[in-house]
Structure formats: C-alpha cells, structure tokens
C-alpha cells in the first residue's frame, strides 16, 4: 500500500480477523481461495512512526525499541593514517626500502 511503499517495495501479508481461520486451515489448498488474503491492507488501517535503530538488533528485545528515536550516535571519527602505514600503501607494501 501507499504507506509501506515509502519504506520498502515489498509488504508482508497482514491478515484481517476474518482471514485468520482460512490462513490457518491446513486443508485450505486452493490458491484461488487463498489469493484474497494476499491483498495489501489499506493504508488507512495502518500507522507509521519512527522507532529507534535498536530495533535492527535481535538482542534488543524489549519495549524500548518502539520509543521515539533520540539523536543517533555519531560514527567514530576516522583518524589520520600514520605515515609509516601510508608509506606501505603508497609504495606497494615495501615501505619504500630497497631490499
């Protein structure tokens, strides 16, 4: 639907209460009977809100992942490459020394 399209080009199946019994019925094998369950849920029935990036790590299994995000930590600053290491890169790994 339009709401999910702003986040991703694919959308999971979201069952309505009316479709749950059919979805869970192990005898339901007719693709034509199951096809209506794959219709996207209407955007008006959903809500989008920002969550913390913590939601991306399964180890963060607590309700706080749904909290509004605060300022994200800055990535570590890239330091200067020491001259000796830079020389190795620039001189093909031999440090510029002969032999």
C-alpha atoms as a PDB file:
ATOM      1  CA  UNK A   1       0.000   0.000   0.000  1.00  0.00           C
ATOM      2  CA  UNK A   2       0.994   3.661  -0.190  1.00  0.00           C
ATOM      3  CA  UNK A   3       2.136   3.824   3.426  1.00  0.00           C
ATOM      4  CA  UNK A   4       4.511   0.861   3.226  1.00  0.00           C
ATOM      5  CA  UNK A   5       5.762   1.862  -0.232  1.00  0.00           C
ATOM      6  CA  UNK A   6       7.571   4.784   1.380  1.00  0.00           C
ATOM      7  CA  UNK A   7       9.609   2.327   3.454  1.00  0.00           C
ATOM      8  CA  UNK A   8      10.024  -0.744   1.253  1.00  0.00           C
ATOM      9  CA  UNK A   9       8.867  -2.121  -2.096  1.00  0.00           C
ATOM     10  CA  UNK A  10       7.554  -5.336  -0.524  1.00  0.00           C
ATOM     11  CA  UNK A  11       4.885  -5.783   2.106  1.00  0.00           C
ATOM     12  CA  UNK A  12       4.209  -8.733   4.397  1.00  0.00           C
ATOM     13  CA  UNK A  13       0.808 -10.350   4.434  1.00  0.00           C
ATOM     14  CA  UNK A  14      -1.288  -8.748   7.161  1.00  0.00           C
ATOM     15  CA  UNK A  15      -4.318 -10.825   7.977  1.00  0.00           C
ATOM     16  CA  UNK A  16      -7.649  -9.367   8.928  1.00  0.00           C
ATOM     17  CA  UNK A  17      -9.500 -11.191  11.699  1.00  0.00           C
ATOM     18  CA  UNK A  18     -11.876 -12.533   9.021  1.00  0.00           C
ATOM     19  CA  UNK A  19      -8.989 -14.167   7.130  1.00  0.00           C
ATOM     20  CA  UNK A  20      -7.246 -15.833  10.076  1.00  0.00           C
ATOM     21  CA  UNK A  21      -9.252 -19.076  10.066  1.00  0.00           C
ATOM     22  CA  UNK A  22      -8.710 -19.622   6.339  1.00  0.00           C
ATOM     23  CA  UNK A  23      -4.975 -18.830   6.652  1.00  0.00           C
ATOM     24  CA  UNK A  24      -4.561 -21.336   9.473  1.00  0.00           C
ATOM     25  CA  UNK A  25      -6.705 -24.061   7.886  1.00  0.00           C
ATOM     26  CA  UNK A  26      -4.308 -26.885   6.861  1.00  0.00           C
ATOM     27  CA  UNK A  27      -6.925 -28.186   4.415  1.00  0.00           C
ATOM     28  CA  UNK A  28      -7.086 -24.885   2.515  1.00  0.00           C
ATOM     29  CA  UNK A  29      -5.022 -25.729  -0.548  1.00  0.00           C
ATOM     30  CA  UNK A  30      -6.902 -23.900  -3.324  1.00  0.00           C
ATOM     31  CA  UNK A  31      -4.787 -20.924  -4.469  1.00  0.00           C
ATOM     32  CA  UNK A  32      -7.897 -19.119  -5.713  1.00  0.00           C
ATOM     33  CA  UNK A  33      -9.465 -19.322  -2.255  1.00  0.00           C
ATOM     34  CA  UNK A  34      -6.271 -18.080  -0.572  1.00  0.00           C
ATOM     35  CA  UNK A  35      -5.488 -15.293  -3.069  1.00  0.00           C
ATOM     36  CA  UNK A  36      -7.722 -12.651  -1.428  1.00  0.00           C
ATOM     37  CA  UNK A  37      -5.649 -12.951   1.742  1.00  0.00           C
ATOM     38  CA  UNK A  38      -2.663 -11.506  -0.148  1.00  0.00           C
ATOM     39  CA  UNK A  39      -4.366  -8.182  -0.863  1.00  0.00           C
ATOM     40  CA  UNK A  40      -2.488  -5.354   0.850  1.00  0.00           C
ATOM     41  CA  UNK A  41      -4.095  -3.987   3.989  1.00  0.00           C
ATOM     42  CA  UNK A  42      -5.382  -0.480   3.340  1.00  0.00           C
ATOM     43  CA  UNK A  43      -3.039   2.352   4.300  1.00  0.00           C
ATOM     44  CA  UNK A  44      -5.861   3.984   6.250  1.00  0.00           C
ATOM     45  CA  UNK A  45      -5.845   0.978   8.606  1.00  0.00           C
ATOM     46  CA  UNK A  46      -2.151   1.393   9.423  1.00  0.00           C
ATOM     47  CA  UNK A  47       0.068   3.911  11.172  1.00  0.00           C
ATOM     48  CA  UNK A  48       3.738   4.680  10.529  1.00  0.00           C
ATOM     49  CA  UNK A  49       6.037   6.127  13.161  1.00  0.00           C
ATOM     50  CA  UNK A  50       9.784   6.385  13.694  1.00  0.00           C
ATOM     51  CA  UNK A  51      11.473   3.893  16.001  1.00  0.00           C
ATOM     52  CA  UNK A  52      14.993   3.579  17.324  1.00  0.00           C
ATOM     53  CA  UNK A  53      17.642   1.872  15.200  1.00  0.00           C
ATOM     54  CA  UNK A  54      17.910  -0.520  18.138  1.00  0.00           C
ATOM     55  CA  UNK A  55      15.014  -2.390  16.515  1.00  0.00           C
ATOM     56  CA  UNK A  56      17.529  -3.777  13.972  1.00  0.00           C
ATOM     57  CA  UNK A  57      19.346  -5.941  16.557  1.00  0.00           C
ATOM     58  CA  UNK A  58      17.533  -9.039  17.872  1.00  0.00           C
ATOM     59  CA  UNK A  59      19.462  -8.723  21.147  1.00  0.00           C
ATOM     60  CA  UNK A  60      17.430  -5.572  21.881  1.00  0.00           C
ATOM     61  CA  UNK A  61      14.297  -7.487  22.829  1.00  0.00           C
ATOM     62  CA  UNK A  62      12.441  -5.006  24.993  1.00  0.00           C
ATOM     63  CA  UNK A  63       9.648  -2.439  24.567  1.00  0.00           C
ATOM     64  CA  UNK A  64      12.100   0.473  24.349  1.00  0.00           C
ATOM     65  CA  UNK A  65      12.846  -0.346  20.693  1.00  0.00           C
ATOM     66  CA  UNK A  66       9.457   1.227  19.942  1.00  0.00           C
ATOM     67  CA  UNK A  67      10.346   4.501  21.670  1.00  0.00           C
ATOM     68  CA  UNK A  68      10.753   7.554  19.503  1.00  0.00           C
ATOM     69  CA  UNK A  69      14.363   7.775  18.365  1.00  0.00           C
ATOM     70  CA  UNK A  70      16.662  10.202  20.071  1.00  0.00           C
ATOM     71  CA  UNK A  71      19.770  11.603  18.489  1.00  0.00           C
ATOM     72  CA  UNK A  72      21.656   8.784  16.810  1.00  0.00           C
ATOM     73  CA  UNK A  73      25.258   8.373  17.941  1.00  0.00           C
ATOM     74  CA  UNK A  74      27.800   9.720  15.524  1.00  0.00           C
ATOM     75  CA  UNK A  75      30.052   7.216  13.797  1.00  0.00           C
ATOM     76  CA  UNK A  76      33.622   7.171  15.085  1.00  0.00           C
ATOM     77  CA  UNK A  77      35.854   9.814  13.554  1.00  0.00           C
ATOM     78  CA  UNK A  78      38.351   8.491  11.075  1.00  0.00           C
ATOM     79  CA  UNK A  79      41.827   9.196  12.308  1.00  0.00           C
ATOM     80  CA  UNK A  80      44.816  10.067  10.257  1.00  0.00           C
ATOM     81  CA  UNK A  81      46.764   7.170   8.866  1.00  0.00           C
ATOM     82  CA  UNK A  82      50.246   7.029  10.418  1.00  0.00           C
ATOM     83  CA  UNK A  83      52.990   7.994   7.960  1.00  0.00           C
ATOM     84  CA  UNK A  84      54.649   4.556   8.153  1.00  0.00           C
ATOM     85  CA  UNK A  85      51.407   2.835   7.206  1.00  0.00           C
ATOM     86  CA  UNK A  86      50.675   5.379   4.467  1.00  0.00           C
ATOM     87  CA  UNK A  87      54.148   4.700   3.031  1.00  0.00           C
ATOM     88  CA  UNK A  88      53.359   0.987   2.889  1.00  0.00           C
ATOM     89  CA  UNK A  89      50.211   1.659   0.879  1.00  0.00           C
ATOM     90  CA  UNK A  90      51.820   4.160  -1.454  1.00  0.00           C
ATOM     91  CA  UNK A  91      54.916   2.044  -2.144  1.00  0.00           C
ATOM     92  CA  UNK A  92      53.246  -1.270  -2.810  1.00  0.00           C
ATOM     93  CA  UNK A  93      53.824  -2.691   0.645  1.00  0.00           C
ATOM     94  CA  UNK A  94      57.619  -2.491   0.780  1.00  0.00           C
ATOM     95  CA  UNK A  95      57.861   0.696   2.824  1.00  0.00           C
ATOM     96  CA  UNK A  96      59.949   2.288   0.084  1.00  0.00           C
ATOM     97  CA  UNK A  97      63.104   0.497   1.160  1.00  0.00           C
ATOM     98  CA  UNK A  98      65.197  -1.368  -1.333  1.00  0.00           C
ATOM     99  CA  UNK A  99      65.857  -4.997  -0.411  1.00  0.00           C
END
